[in-house]
Amino acid sequence: MLLATQLQRVFILKDKRQDIRLTDPEPRWSVEAVMNFYANMYPILTTAKVSASKIKDDTVEYHFESVMGTKG
């Protein structure tokens, strides 16, 4: 019998100067709920979008990217 392992989620805030790794505050929350949670500390997240998830080093990475200052 095989058991499924749930991969840990990691959230990356793409900043102009660096990438900021954010831990998962609650695994049952949606990605949008996590983004809203961190928006209190990082106001740029109020206008950010989430890129498609990627599996990397036994984690699922979600990237939060600011849409401010972009056209289209």
Protein backbone atom coordinates (compact mmCIF):
# COMPACT_ATOMS: atom_id res chain seq x y z
CA MET A 1 0.00 0.00 0.00
CA LEU A 2 1.39 3.37 -1.05
CA LEU A 3 0.84 6.44 1.07
CA ALA A 4 0.64 9.84 -0.55
CA THR A 5 2.86 12.52 0.94
CA GLN A 6 1.60 16.07 0.88
CA LEU A 7 4.32 18.41 -0.30
CA GLN A 8 5.06 21.48 1.77
CA ARG A 9 4.01 24.76 0.17
CA VAL A 10 6.46 27.64 -0.11
CA PHE A 11 5.49 31.11 -1.25
CA ILE A 12 7.98 33.37 -3.00
CA LEU A 13 7.43 37.12 -3.15
CA LYS A 14 9.22 38.43 -6.23
CA ASP A 15 10.77 41.76 -5.28
CA LYS A 16 12.88 43.95 -7.54
CA ARG A 17 15.89 43.44 -5.27
CA GLN A 18 15.40 39.89 -4.02
CA ASP A 19 13.06 36.94 -3.67
CA ILE A 20 11.45 36.65 -0.24
CA ARG A 21 10.56 33.12 0.95
CA LEU A 22 7.36 32.96 2.96
CA THR A 23 6.34 29.90 4.94
CA ASP A 24 2.86 28.44 4.78
CA PRO A 25 0.88 29.87 7.71
CA GLU A 26 -1.93 27.31 7.36
CA PRO A 27 -1.82 24.38 4.89
CA ARG A 28 -5.63 24.28 4.65
CA TRP A 29 -5.84 27.87 3.38
CA SER A 30 -6.15 28.65 -0.31
CA VAL A 31 -3.24 30.36 -2.05
CA GLU A 32 -5.30 33.57 -2.18
CA ALA A 33 -5.93 33.39 1.59
CA VAL A 34 -2.19 33.06 2.20
CA MET A 35 -1.53 36.06 -0.04
CA ASN A 36 -4.13 38.09 1.89
CA PHE A 37 -2.55 36.99 5.19
CA TYR A 38 0.89 38.24 4.14
CA ALA A 39 -0.51 41.45 2.60
CA ASN A 40 -0.49 42.96 6.11
CA MET A 41 3.31 42.73 6.15
CA TYR A 42 3.90 43.18 2.41
CA PRO A 43 1.32 45.67 1.01
CA ILE A 44 2.55 45.00 -2.54
CA LEU A 45 0.62 41.72 -2.32
CA THR A 46 -2.70 43.59 -2.48
CA THR A 47 -2.11 44.01 -6.22
CA ALA A 48 -0.05 40.87 -6.88
CA LYS A 49 -0.88 37.85 -8.99
CA VAL A 50 0.01 34.22 -8.39
CA SER A 51 2.01 32.34 -11.01
CA ALA A 52 1.51 28.66 -11.72
CA SER A 53 2.89 26.39 -9.02
CA LYS A 54 6.13 24.48 -9.53
CA ILE A 55 7.48 21.46 -7.69
CA LYS A 56 11.05 22.07 -6.54
CA ASP A 57 13.10 20.18 -3.93
CA ASP A 58 10.08 18.31 -2.51
CA THR A 59 8.08 21.52 -2.07
CA VAL A 60 5.39 23.23 -4.11
CA GLU A 61 6.45 26.79 -4.89
CA TYR A 62 3.98 29.57 -5.57
CA HIS A 63 5.31 32.91 -6.81
CA PHE A 64 3.60 36.18 -5.91
CA GLU A 65 4.45 38.80 -8.50
CA SER A 66 3.52 42.47 -8.40
CA VAL A 67 1.45 43.71 -11.32
CA MET A 68 2.04 47.38 -10.49
CA GLY A 69 3.97 49.26 -13.12
CA THR A 70 3.27 46.75 -15.88
CA LYS A 71 1.23 47.42 -18.98
CA GLY A 72 -1.48 45.24 -20.41
